[in-house]
């Protein structure tokens, strides 16, 4: 159960749900962040930078989010980025499937370099070899920015957990979302948390 209220802003509840369905609402979590408009504005600028300026393909940015969602058991993060990973960033469905079952050996060499680095950041112990392999591809600045992207989304997961926004049925939701992604179905209608539609 969420511990702070949602703030819907000028849109109606139905409009918000339609925006979410079209993947135009940046994140369902923003409905809670709107309790602090200044924070939303600052976060929006950071998100815009991370979405457009990082020196690697979009697919690797979104693959990072799927790795974080799986390693941290976050249905909220997968809800936010899972559909984008396959439908908009051209991440390989096979790569998503491999991450889902934590079979990183099934990734291509390039995917594995990025995914392994993400996984090590999540687990809190990054090997020099992982940093070096990433640096060869995107340079020092890229390593700094990619690490910032990863740690920002780790913080996003903890934010959702702390405010009670993550579902109690995270494992079930992860399976549900992965099945929807594979079938190329929208994630609209799936549960971000155990709540009735009226609460949205």
N, C-alpha and C. Protein backbone atom coordinates (compact mmCIF):
# COMPACT_ATOMS: atom_id res chain seq x y z
N UNK A 1 0.85 -1.19 0.00
CA UNK A 1 0.00 0.00 0.00
C UNK A 1 0.88 1.24 0.00
N UNK A 2 0.60 2.15 -0.90
CA UNK A 2 1.40 3.37 -0.99
C UNK A 2 1.31 4.18 0.29
N UNK A 3 2.42 4.77 0.69
CA UNK A 3 2.49 5.49 1.96
C UNK A 3 2.32 6.99 1.80
N UNK A 4 2.30 7.48 0.55
CA UNK A 4 2.01 8.89 0.28
C UNK A 4 0.99 8.94 -0.85
N UNK A 5 0.20 10.03 -0.94
CA UNK A 5 -0.84 10.09 -1.97
C UNK A 5 -0.27 10.37 -3.35
N UNK A 6 -1.01 9.95 -4.38
CA UNK A 6 -0.68 10.33 -5.75
C UNK A 6 -1.15 11.75 -5.99
N UNK A 7 -0.49 12.43 -6.90
CA UNK A 7 -0.92 13.76 -7.33
C UNK A 7 -1.11 13.68 -8.83
N UNK A 8 -2.35 13.79 -9.27
CA UNK A 8 -2.65 13.58 -10.69
C UNK A 8 -2.42 14.82 -11.54
N UNK A 9 -2.37 15.99 -10.92
CA UNK A 9 -2.15 17.20 -11.71
C UNK A 9 -3.37 17.56 -12.52
N UNK A 10 -3.17 18.27 -13.64
CA UNK A 10 -4.30 18.78 -14.41
C UNK A 10 -5.07 17.72 -15.19
N UNK A 11 -4.47 16.54 -15.43
CA UNK A 11 -5.18 15.51 -16.17
C UNK A 11 -6.17 14.78 -15.28
N UNK A 12 -7.21 14.24 -15.88
CA UNK A 12 -8.15 13.40 -15.15
C UNK A 12 -7.51 12.03 -14.94
N UNK A 13 -8.12 11.23 -14.08
CA UNK A 13 -7.60 9.89 -13.83
C UNK A 13 -7.59 9.09 -15.13
N UNK A 14 -8.66 9.18 -15.91
CA UNK A 14 -8.72 8.42 -17.16
C UNK A 14 -7.65 8.87 -18.14
N UNK A 15 -7.40 10.18 -18.20
CA UNK A 15 -6.35 10.69 -19.08
C UNK A 15 -5.00 10.14 -18.67
N UNK A 16 -4.74 10.12 -17.35
CA UNK A 16 -3.47 9.60 -16.87
C UNK A 16 -3.31 8.13 -17.28
N UNK A 17 -4.38 7.37 -17.16
CA UNK A 17 -4.30 5.94 -17.49
C UNK A 17 -4.07 5.75 -18.99
N UNK A 18 -4.66 6.61 -19.79
CA UNK A 18 -4.46 6.53 -21.24
C UNK A 18 -3.03 6.90 -21.61
N UNK A 19 -2.48 7.92 -20.96
CA UNK A 19 -1.09 8.29 -21.22
C UNK A 19 -0.16 7.15 -20.83
N UNK A 20 -0.46 6.52 -19.70
CA UNK A 20 0.37 5.39 -19.26
C UNK A 20 0.28 4.27 -20.28
N UNK A 21 -0.93 4.00 -20.78
CA UNK A 21 -1.13 2.91 -21.73
C UNK A 21 -0.34 3.16 -23.00
N UNK A 22 -0.24 4.41 -23.40
CA UNK A 22 0.49 4.76 -24.62
C UNK A 22 1.99 4.91 -24.37
N UNK A 23 2.39 4.66 -23.14
CA UNK A 23 3.79 4.80 -22.74
C UNK A 23 4.25 6.25 -22.85
N UNK A 24 3.33 7.19 -22.76
CA UNK A 24 3.68 8.60 -22.85
C UNK A 24 3.87 9.21 -21.48
N UNK A 25 3.29 8.59 -20.46
CA UNK A 25 3.55 9.05 -19.10
C UNK A 25 4.93 8.54 -18.72
N UNK A 26 5.85 9.42 -18.32
CA UNK A 26 7.23 8.99 -18.07
C UNK A 26 7.32 7.81 -17.11
N UNK A 27 6.50 7.80 -16.09
CA UNK A 27 6.52 6.68 -15.15
C UNK A 27 5.36 6.82 -14.20
N UNK A 28 4.79 5.69 -13.83
CA UNK A 28 3.69 5.75 -12.88
C UNK A 28 4.17 6.30 -11.55
N UNK A 29 5.46 6.13 -11.27
CA UNK A 29 6.02 6.65 -10.02
C UNK A 29 5.93 8.17 -9.97
N UNK A 30 5.91 8.82 -11.14
CA UNK A 30 5.83 10.28 -11.17
C UNK A 30 4.56 10.80 -10.50
N UNK A 31 3.53 9.96 -10.43
CA UNK A 31 2.30 10.39 -9.77
C UNK A 31 2.54 10.61 -8.28
N UNK A 32 3.49 9.88 -7.73
CA UNK A 32 3.86 10.10 -6.32
C UNK A 32 4.90 11.21 -6.19
N UNK A 33 5.82 11.26 -7.14
CA UNK A 33 6.85 12.30 -7.09
C UNK A 33 6.25 13.69 -7.21
N UNK A 34 5.07 13.77 -7.82
CA UNK A 34 4.43 15.08 -8.02
C UNK A 34 4.07 15.76 -6.71
N UNK A 35 4.20 15.06 -5.59
CA UNK A 35 4.06 15.74 -4.29
C UNK A 35 5.14 16.80 -4.14
N UNK A 36 6.21 16.69 -4.91
CA UNK A 36 7.29 17.67 -4.90
C UNK A 36 7.55 18.12 -6.34
N UNK A 37 6.81 19.13 -6.83
CA UNK A 37 6.94 19.57 -8.23
C UNK A 37 8.37 19.94 -8.62
N UNK A 38 9.11 20.55 -7.71
CA UNK A 38 10.49 20.94 -8.02
C UNK A 38 11.36 19.71 -8.27
N UNK A 39 11.12 18.66 -7.49
CA UNK A 39 11.87 17.42 -7.67
C UNK A 39 11.54 16.80 -9.03
N UNK A 40 10.27 16.83 -9.41
CA UNK A 40 9.86 16.29 -10.71
C UNK A 40 10.57 17.02 -11.83
N UNK A 41 10.64 18.34 -11.72
CA UNK A 41 11.28 19.15 -12.76
C UNK A 41 12.77 18.81 -12.88
N UNK A 42 13.45 18.73 -11.74
CA UNK A 42 14.88 18.41 -11.76
C UNK A 42 15.11 16.99 -12.28
N UNK A 43 14.27 16.07 -11.83
CA UNK A 43 14.39 14.67 -12.26
C UNK A 43 14.16 14.54 -13.76
N UNK A 44 13.23 15.34 -14.27
CA UNK A 44 12.92 15.32 -15.70
C UNK A 44 14.12 15.73 -16.54
N UNK A 45 14.86 16.72 -16.07
CA UNK A 45 16.05 17.17 -16.80
C UNK A 45 17.13 16.09 -16.80
N UNK A 46 17.32 15.45 -15.66
CA UNK A 46 18.31 14.37 -15.58
C UNK A 46 17.91 13.22 -16.50
N UNK A 47 16.63 12.86 -16.45
CA UNK A 47 16.13 11.76 -17.28
C UNK A 47 16.30 12.07 -18.77
N UNK A 48 16.04 13.32 -19.14
CA UNK A 48 16.18 13.73 -20.53
C UNK A 48 17.64 13.58 -20.99
N UNK A 49 18.57 13.99 -20.12
CA UNK A 49 19.99 13.86 -20.46
C UNK A 49 20.36 12.39 -20.64
N UNK A 50 19.95 11.56 -19.69
CA UNK A 50 20.30 10.14 -19.74
C UNK A 50 19.68 9.45 -20.95
N UNK A 51 18.53 9.93 -21.39
CA UNK A 51 17.83 9.30 -22.51
C UNK A 51 18.42 9.69 -23.86
N UNK A 52 19.14 10.80 -23.91
CA UNK A 52 19.57 11.31 -25.22
C UNK A 52 21.07 11.46 -25.40
N UNK A 53 21.84 11.49 -24.33
CA UNK A 53 23.24 11.88 -24.45
C UNK A 53 24.24 10.76 -24.18
N UNK A 54 23.79 9.64 -23.67
CA UNK A 54 24.75 8.58 -23.34
C UNK A 54 25.34 7.96 -24.60
N UNK A 55 26.67 7.68 -24.59
CA UNK A 55 27.37 7.23 -25.80
C UNK A 55 27.27 5.73 -26.07
N UNK A 56 26.05 5.21 -26.05
CA UNK A 56 25.86 3.81 -26.40
C UNK A 56 24.45 3.66 -26.97
N UNK A 57 24.20 2.57 -27.70
CA UNK A 57 22.87 2.38 -28.27
C UNK A 57 21.78 2.37 -27.20
N UNK A 58 20.59 2.84 -27.58
CA UNK A 58 19.44 2.86 -26.68
C UNK A 58 19.17 1.47 -26.12
N UNK A 59 19.39 0.45 -26.94
CA UNK A 59 19.09 -0.92 -26.49
C UNK A 59 19.90 -1.30 -25.26
N UNK A 60 21.14 -0.81 -25.15
CA UNK A 60 21.97 -1.14 -23.98
C UNK A 60 21.52 -0.36 -22.75
N UNK A 61 20.98 0.83 -22.95
CA UNK A 61 20.43 1.58 -21.80
C UNK A 61 19.22 0.85 -21.25
N UNK A 62 18.35 0.38 -22.14
CA UNK A 62 17.14 -0.29 -21.69
C UNK A 62 17.43 -1.69 -21.17
N UNK A 63 18.42 -2.36 -21.75
CA UNK A 63 18.82 -3.68 -21.24
C UNK A 63 19.30 -3.54 -19.79
N UNK A 64 19.99 -2.43 -19.51
CA UNK A 64 20.45 -2.17 -18.13
C UNK A 64 19.27 -2.15 -17.17
N UNK A 65 18.18 -1.52 -17.58
CA UNK A 65 17.01 -1.42 -16.70
C UNK A 65 16.37 -2.78 -16.46
N UNK A 66 16.38 -3.63 -17.48
CA UNK A 66 15.83 -4.97 -17.31
C UNK A 66 16.72 -5.78 -16.35
N UNK A 67 18.04 -5.65 -16.49
CA UNK A 67 18.95 -6.33 -15.57
C UNK A 67 18.70 -5.89 -14.13
N UNK A 68 18.57 -4.57 -13.93
CA UNK A 68 18.31 -4.05 -12.58
C UNK A 68 16.99 -4.59 -12.05
N UNK A 69 15.95 -4.59 -12.89
CA UNK A 69 14.63 -5.07 -12.46
C UNK A 69 14.70 -6.52 -12.01
N UNK A 70 15.42 -7.34 -12.77
CA UNK A 70 15.52 -8.77 -12.44
C UNK A 70 16.37 -8.97 -11.18
N UNK A 71 17.53 -8.34 -11.14
CA UNK A 71 18.44 -8.55 -10.00
C UNK A 71 17.86 -8.02 -8.70
N UNK A 72 17.05 -6.95 -8.78
CA UNK A 72 16.47 -6.36 -7.57
C UNK A 72 15.03 -6.79 -7.35
N UNK A 73 14.48 -7.59 -8.28
CA UNK A 73 13.10 -8.04 -8.15
C UNK A 73 12.10 -6.90 -8.20
N UNK A 74 12.31 -5.96 -9.12
CA UNK A 74 11.46 -4.77 -9.18
C UNK A 74 10.45 -4.83 -10.32
N UNK A 75 9.20 -5.12 -9.98
CA UNK A 75 8.15 -5.10 -11.00
C UNK A 75 7.88 -3.66 -11.46
N UNK A 76 8.07 -2.69 -10.57
CA UNK A 76 7.82 -1.29 -10.93
C UNK A 76 8.79 -0.83 -12.00
N UNK A 77 10.07 -1.19 -11.89
CA UNK A 77 11.05 -0.77 -12.90
C UNK A 77 10.80 -1.49 -14.21
N UNK A 78 10.43 -2.77 -14.15
CA UNK A 78 10.15 -3.49 -15.39
C UNK A 78 8.91 -2.91 -16.05
N UNK A 79 7.91 -2.52 -15.27
CA UNK A 79 6.72 -1.89 -15.82
C UNK A 79 7.10 -0.61 -16.55
N UNK A 80 8.06 0.11 -16.00
CA UNK A 80 8.47 1.39 -16.58
C UNK A 80 9.29 1.21 -17.85
N UNK A 81 10.17 0.20 -17.88
CA UNK A 81 11.13 0.11 -18.98
C UNK A 81 11.04 -1.16 -19.82
N UNK A 82 10.33 -2.18 -19.36
CA UNK A 82 10.33 -3.44 -20.09
C UNK A 82 9.80 -3.33 -21.50
N UNK A 83 8.68 -2.66 -21.66
CA UNK A 83 8.08 -2.52 -22.98
C UNK A 83 8.98 -1.71 -23.90
N UNK A 84 9.56 -0.65 -23.35
CA UNK A 84 10.45 0.19 -24.14
C UNK A 84 11.66 -0.60 -24.62
N UNK A 85 12.16 -1.49 -23.78
CA UNK A 85 13.36 -2.25 -24.12
C UNK A 85 13.21 -2.98 -25.45
N UNK A 86 12.08 -3.64 -25.64
CA UNK A 86 11.88 -4.43 -26.85
C UNK A 86 11.23 -3.62 -27.96
N UNK A 87 10.22 -2.85 -27.63
CA UNK A 87 9.38 -2.22 -28.65
C UNK A 87 9.98 -0.94 -29.22
N UNK A 88 10.78 -0.23 -28.44
CA UNK A 88 11.27 1.06 -28.91
C UNK A 88 12.78 1.13 -29.04
N UNK A 89 13.51 0.33 -28.29
CA UNK A 89 14.97 0.45 -28.33
C UNK A 89 15.62 -0.64 -29.18
N UNK A 90 14.84 -1.60 -29.64
CA UNK A 90 15.34 -2.70 -30.47
C UNK A 90 16.30 -3.62 -29.72
N UNK A 91 16.14 -3.69 -28.40
CA UNK A 91 16.87 -4.71 -27.65
C UNK A 91 16.36 -6.08 -28.12
N UNK A 92 17.24 -7.05 -28.23
CA UNK A 92 16.84 -8.36 -28.72
C UNK A 92 15.94 -9.06 -27.70
N UNK A 93 14.87 -9.66 -28.19
CA UNK A 93 13.99 -10.42 -27.31
C UNK A 93 14.76 -11.55 -26.65
N UNK A 94 15.71 -12.15 -27.39
CA UNK A 94 16.52 -13.24 -26.83
C UNK A 94 17.37 -12.75 -25.66
N UNK A 95 17.82 -11.50 -25.76
CA UNK A 95 18.61 -10.93 -24.66
C UNK A 95 17.75 -10.72 -23.43
N UNK A 96 16.53 -10.23 -23.64
CA UNK A 96 15.59 -10.03 -22.53
C UNK A 96 15.28 -11.37 -21.88
N UNK A 97 15.06 -12.39 -22.71
CA UNK A 97 14.76 -13.73 -22.19
C UNK A 97 15.93 -14.28 -21.36
N UNK A 98 17.15 -14.04 -21.83
CA UNK A 98 18.34 -14.52 -21.12
C UNK A 98 18.48 -13.84 -19.77
N UNK A 99 18.26 -12.53 -19.75
CA UNK A 99 18.35 -11.79 -18.49
C UNK A 99 17.26 -12.25 -17.53
N UNK A 100 16.09 -12.52 -18.07
CA UNK A 100 14.96 -12.95 -17.24
C UNK A 100 15.31 -14.16 -16.39
N UNK A 101 16.05 -15.11 -16.98
CA UNK A 101 16.41 -16.33 -16.25
C UNK A 101 17.86 -16.27 -15.76
N UNK A 102 18.44 -15.07 -15.83
CA UNK A 102 19.81 -14.81 -15.35
C UNK A 102 20.84 -15.74 -16.00
N UNK A 103 20.64 -15.97 -17.31
CA UNK A 103 21.61 -16.74 -18.10
C UNK A 103 22.39 -15.76 -18.97
N UNK A 104 23.29 -15.05 -18.33
CA UNK A 104 24.04 -14.00 -19.03
C UNK A 104 25.00 -14.58 -20.08
N UNK A 105 25.29 -15.88 -19.99
CA UNK A 105 26.15 -16.52 -20.99
C UNK A 105 25.45 -16.61 -22.34
N UNK A 106 24.14 -16.41 -22.38
CA UNK A 106 23.40 -16.47 -23.64
C UNK A 106 23.40 -15.13 -24.39
N UNK A 107 23.95 -14.12 -23.78
CA UNK A 107 24.01 -12.81 -24.42
C UNK A 107 25.15 -12.77 -25.43
N UNK A 108 25.08 -11.83 -26.37
CA UNK A 108 26.22 -11.61 -27.25
C UNK A 108 27.36 -11.04 -26.41
N UNK A 109 28.57 -11.07 -26.95
CA UNK A 109 29.71 -10.55 -26.19
C UNK A 109 29.49 -9.09 -25.80
N UNK A 110 28.98 -8.29 -26.73
CA UNK A 110 28.76 -6.87 -26.46
C UNK A 110 27.70 -6.68 -25.37
N UNK A 111 26.59 -7.40 -25.48
CA UNK A 111 25.54 -7.32 -24.47
C UNK A 111 26.06 -7.74 -23.10
N UNK A 112 26.91 -8.77 -23.10
CA UNK A 112 27.42 -9.31 -21.85
C UNK A 112 28.31 -8.30 -21.12
N UNK A 113 29.09 -7.52 -21.88
CA UNK A 113 29.95 -6.50 -21.26
C UNK A 113 29.09 -5.50 -20.49
N UNK A 114 28.02 -5.01 -21.13
CA UNK A 114 27.15 -4.03 -20.48
C UNK A 114 26.37 -4.66 -19.33
N UNK A 115 25.79 -5.84 -19.58
CA UNK A 115 24.95 -6.48 -18.56
C UNK A 115 25.76 -6.88 -17.34
N UNK A 116 26.98 -7.38 -17.55
CA UNK A 116 27.82 -7.79 -16.43
C UNK A 116 28.18 -6.58 -15.57
N UNK A 117 28.49 -5.47 -16.21
CA UNK A 117 28.82 -4.25 -15.46
C UNK A 117 27.62 -3.82 -14.62
N UNK A 118 26.43 -3.82 -15.24
CA UNK A 118 25.21 -3.43 -14.52
C UNK A 118 25.00 -4.34 -13.32
N UNK A 119 25.10 -5.63 -13.55
CA UNK A 119 24.88 -6.61 -12.48
C UNK A 119 25.85 -6.40 -11.33
N UNK A 120 27.10 -6.13 -11.64
CA UNK A 120 28.09 -5.93 -10.59
C UNK A 120 27.82 -4.65 -9.80
N UNK A 121 27.36 -3.61 -10.49
CA UNK A 121 26.99 -2.37 -9.78
C UNK A 121 25.83 -2.65 -8.83
N UNK A 122 24.83 -3.39 -9.30
CA UNK A 122 23.68 -3.73 -8.45
C UNK A 122 24.13 -4.52 -7.23
N UNK A 123 25.04 -5.46 -7.43
CA UNK A 123 25.49 -6.33 -6.34
C UNK A 123 26.50 -5.64 -5.43
N UNK A 124 27.02 -4.49 -5.87
CA UNK A 124 27.90 -3.70 -5.01
C UNK A 124 29.37 -4.05 -5.06
N UNK A 125 29.79 -4.80 -6.07
CA UNK A 125 31.21 -5.15 -6.20
C UNK A 125 31.56 -5.22 -7.68
N UNK A 126 32.27 -4.20 -8.17
CA UNK A 126 32.58 -4.11 -9.59
C UNK A 126 34.05 -4.45 -9.82
N UNK A 127 34.30 -5.42 -10.70
CA UNK A 127 35.66 -5.86 -11.00
C UNK A 127 36.36 -4.87 -11.93
N UNK A 128 37.66 -4.73 -11.77
CA UNK A 128 38.45 -3.86 -12.65
C UNK A 128 38.27 -4.27 -14.11
N UNK A 129 38.20 -5.57 -14.35
CA UNK A 129 38.06 -6.07 -15.72
C UNK A 129 36.76 -5.60 -16.35
N UNK A 130 35.71 -5.51 -15.56
CA UNK A 130 34.41 -5.05 -16.08
C UNK A 130 34.47 -3.58 -16.46
N UNK A 131 35.13 -2.79 -15.62
CA UNK A 131 35.29 -1.36 -15.92
C UNK A 131 36.14 -1.19 -17.18
N UNK A 132 37.23 -1.94 -17.27
CA UNK A 132 38.13 -1.83 -18.42
C UNK A 132 37.42 -2.20 -19.72
N UNK A 133 36.62 -3.28 -19.68
CA UNK A 133 35.91 -3.71 -20.88
C UNK A 133 34.91 -2.66 -21.34
N UNK A 134 34.24 -2.03 -20.38
CA UNK A 134 33.28 -0.98 -20.72
C UNK A 134 34.01 0.27 -21.22
N UNK A 135 35.12 0.61 -20.57
CA UNK A 135 35.90 1.79 -20.96
C UNK A 135 36.38 1.68 -22.40
N UNK A 136 36.77 0.48 -22.83
CA UNK A 136 37.22 0.27 -24.21
C UNK A 136 36.14 0.66 -25.21
N UNK A 137 34.88 0.53 -24.80
CA UNK A 137 33.78 0.79 -25.71
C UNK A 137 33.26 2.22 -25.64
N UNK A 138 33.22 2.81 -24.45
CA UNK A 138 32.57 4.12 -24.32
C UNK A 138 33.42 5.18 -23.63
N UNK A 139 34.66 4.85 -23.28
CA UNK A 139 35.55 5.84 -22.68
C UNK A 139 35.22 6.15 -21.23
N UNK A 140 36.07 6.98 -20.62
CA UNK A 140 35.88 7.32 -19.20
C UNK A 140 34.57 8.04 -18.95
N UNK A 141 34.27 9.02 -19.80
CA UNK A 141 33.02 9.76 -19.62
C UNK A 141 31.82 8.83 -19.73
N UNK A 142 31.86 7.93 -20.70
CA UNK A 142 30.76 6.99 -20.86
C UNK A 142 30.58 6.10 -19.65
N UNK A 143 31.71 5.65 -19.07
CA UNK A 143 31.64 4.81 -17.86
C UNK A 143 30.98 5.58 -16.73
N UNK A 144 31.37 6.85 -16.56
CA UNK A 144 30.77 7.67 -15.50
C UNK A 144 29.27 7.84 -15.74
N UNK A 145 28.89 8.17 -16.97
CA UNK A 145 27.48 8.42 -17.26
C UNK A 145 26.64 7.15 -17.19
N UNK A 146 27.19 6.03 -17.66
CA UNK A 146 26.46 4.77 -17.60
C UNK A 146 26.27 4.33 -16.15
N UNK A 147 27.32 4.52 -15.34
CA UNK A 147 27.21 4.20 -13.91
C UNK A 147 26.16 5.07 -13.24
N UNK A 148 26.11 6.33 -13.63
CA UNK A 148 25.10 7.23 -13.07
C UNK A 148 23.69 6.78 -13.46
N UNK A 149 23.52 6.36 -14.72
CA UNK A 149 22.22 5.83 -15.15
C UNK A 149 21.82 4.63 -14.30
N UNK A 150 22.75 3.72 -14.09
CA UNK A 150 22.46 2.51 -13.32
C UNK A 150 22.10 2.85 -11.88
N UNK A 151 22.93 3.66 -11.24
CA UNK A 151 22.69 3.97 -9.82
C UNK A 151 21.45 4.83 -9.64
N UNK A 152 21.12 5.65 -10.64
CA UNK A 152 19.87 6.42 -10.58
C UNK A 152 18.67 5.48 -10.55
N UNK A 153 18.72 4.44 -11.38
CA UNK A 153 17.59 3.51 -11.42
C UNK A 153 17.57 2.57 -10.22
N UNK A 154 18.73 2.28 -9.65
CA UNK A 154 18.75 1.53 -8.39
C UNK A 154 18.05 2.36 -7.31
N UNK A 155 18.37 3.66 -7.27
CA UNK A 155 17.72 4.56 -6.30
C UNK A 155 16.23 4.63 -6.56
N UNK A 156 15.83 4.60 -7.83
CA UNK A 156 14.42 4.64 -8.22
C UNK A 156 13.69 3.43 -7.62
N UNK A 157 14.33 2.25 -7.70
CA UNK A 157 13.73 1.03 -7.14
C UNK A 157 13.58 1.17 -5.63
N UNK A 158 14.62 1.63 -4.96
CA UNK A 158 14.56 1.79 -3.50
C UNK A 158 13.50 2.83 -3.11
N UNK A 159 13.36 3.87 -3.92
CA UNK A 159 12.34 4.89 -3.69
C UNK A 159 10.95 4.25 -3.72
N UNK A 160 10.70 3.44 -4.75
CA UNK A 160 9.41 2.76 -4.87
C UNK A 160 9.16 1.81 -3.71
N UNK A 161 10.20 1.10 -3.30
CA UNK A 161 10.05 0.16 -2.19
C UNK A 161 9.78 0.90 -0.88
N UNK A 162 10.50 1.99 -0.65
CA UNK A 162 10.36 2.74 0.61
C UNK A 162 8.97 3.35 0.75
N UNK A 163 8.39 3.78 -0.38
CA UNK A 163 7.08 4.43 -0.33
C UNK A 163 5.93 3.43 -0.48
N UNK A 164 6.25 2.15 -0.53
CA UNK A 164 5.20 1.14 -0.61
C UNK A 164 4.54 1.04 -1.96
N UNK A 165 5.25 1.46 -3.01
CA UNK A 165 4.67 1.46 -4.35
C UNK A 165 4.89 0.12 -5.05
N UNK A 166 5.95 -0.59 -4.70
CA UNK A 166 6.18 -1.92 -5.26
C UNK A 166 5.09 -2.87 -4.79
N UNK A 167 4.69 -3.77 -5.66
CA UNK A 167 3.69 -4.77 -5.31
C UNK A 167 4.25 -5.80 -4.34
N UNK A 168 3.37 -6.39 -3.53
CA UNK A 168 3.78 -7.49 -2.67
C UNK A 168 4.03 -8.76 -3.50
N UNK A 169 3.44 -8.78 -4.71
CA UNK A 169 3.57 -9.95 -5.58
C UNK A 169 4.57 -9.64 -6.70
N UNK A 170 5.76 -9.23 -6.32
CA UNK A 170 6.74 -8.80 -7.32
C UNK A 170 7.13 -9.92 -8.27
N UNK A 171 7.32 -11.13 -7.73
CA UNK A 171 7.73 -12.24 -8.59
C UNK A 171 6.66 -12.56 -9.62
N UNK A 172 5.39 -12.58 -9.17
CA UNK A 172 4.29 -12.83 -10.09
C UNK A 172 4.18 -11.75 -11.14
N UNK A 173 4.39 -10.50 -10.74
CA UNK A 173 4.30 -9.39 -11.68
C UNK A 173 5.43 -9.43 -12.70
N UNK A 174 6.64 -9.78 -12.26
CA UNK A 174 7.75 -9.88 -13.20
C UNK A 174 7.42 -10.89 -14.29
N UNK A 175 6.89 -12.05 -13.90
CA UNK A 175 6.50 -13.06 -14.90
C UNK A 175 5.43 -12.52 -15.83
N UNK A 176 4.43 -11.85 -15.24
CA UNK A 176 3.33 -11.30 -16.03
C UNK A 176 3.83 -10.28 -17.04
N UNK A 177 4.71 -9.41 -16.61
CA UNK A 177 5.23 -8.37 -17.50
C UNK A 177 6.11 -8.97 -18.59
N UNK A 178 6.95 -9.94 -18.24
CA UNK A 178 7.81 -10.56 -19.25
C UNK A 178 6.96 -11.26 -20.31
N UNK A 179 5.88 -11.91 -19.90
CA UNK A 179 5.00 -12.57 -20.87
C UNK A 179 4.35 -11.55 -21.78
N UNK A 180 3.95 -10.41 -21.22
CA UNK A 180 3.34 -9.36 -22.03
C UNK A 180 4.35 -8.77 -23.01
N UNK A 181 5.58 -8.59 -22.55
CA UNK A 181 6.63 -8.05 -23.43
C UNK A 181 6.89 -9.00 -24.59
N UNK A 182 7.00 -10.29 -24.27
CA UNK A 182 7.28 -11.29 -25.31
C UNK A 182 6.15 -11.35 -26.33
N UNK A 183 4.92 -11.20 -25.86
CA UNK A 183 3.76 -11.24 -26.76
C UNK A 183 3.50 -9.90 -27.43
N UNK A 184 4.37 -8.91 -27.11
CA UNK A 184 4.23 -7.55 -27.64
C UNK A 184 2.88 -6.94 -27.27
N UNK A 185 2.45 -7.23 -26.08
CA UNK A 185 1.21 -6.65 -25.55
C UNK A 185 1.57 -5.46 -24.67
N UNK A 186 0.68 -4.46 -24.60
CA UNK A 186 0.94 -3.33 -23.71
C UNK A 186 0.90 -3.77 -22.26
N UNK A 187 1.63 -3.08 -21.41
CA UNK A 187 1.63 -3.40 -19.99
C UNK A 187 0.47 -2.74 -19.27
N UNK A 188 -0.30 -1.90 -19.99
CA UNK A 188 -1.47 -1.26 -19.41
C UNK A 188 -2.43 -2.33 -18.93
N UNK A 189 -2.96 -2.14 -17.73
CA UNK A 189 -3.90 -3.10 -17.19
C UNK A 189 -3.24 -4.07 -16.24
N UNK A 190 -1.92 -4.18 -16.31
CA UNK A 190 -1.22 -5.02 -15.35
C UNK A 190 -1.07 -4.26 -14.05
N UNK A 191 -0.74 -4.96 -13.00
CA UNK A 191 -0.73 -4.36 -11.66
C UNK A 191 0.64 -3.84 -11.30
N UNK A 192 0.72 -2.59 -10.96
CA UNK A 192 1.97 -2.06 -10.44
C UNK A 192 2.03 -2.32 -8.95
N UNK A 193 0.89 -2.25 -8.31
CA UNK A 193 0.80 -2.62 -6.90
C UNK A 193 -0.58 -3.22 -6.70
N UNK A 194 -0.81 -3.86 -5.59
CA UNK A 194 -2.13 -4.43 -5.33
C UNK A 194 -3.06 -3.30 -4.93
N UNK A 195 -3.85 -2.86 -5.88
CA UNK A 195 -4.77 -1.77 -5.62
C UNK A 195 -5.89 -1.84 -6.63
N UNK A 196 -6.99 -1.21 -6.32
CA UNK A 196 -8.13 -1.22 -7.24
C UNK A 196 -7.94 -0.12 -8.26
N UNK A 197 -8.56 -0.25 -9.47
CA UNK A 197 -8.44 0.78 -10.49
C UNK A 197 -8.88 2.15 -10.00
N UNK A 198 -9.84 2.17 -9.07
CA UNK A 198 -10.35 3.45 -8.58
C UNK A 198 -9.25 4.26 -7.89
N UNK A 199 -8.23 3.57 -7.37
CA UNK A 199 -7.15 4.27 -6.68
C UNK A 199 -6.27 5.04 -7.65
N UNK A 200 -6.40 4.74 -8.93
CA UNK A 200 -5.64 5.46 -9.93
C UNK A 200 -6.41 6.68 -10.40
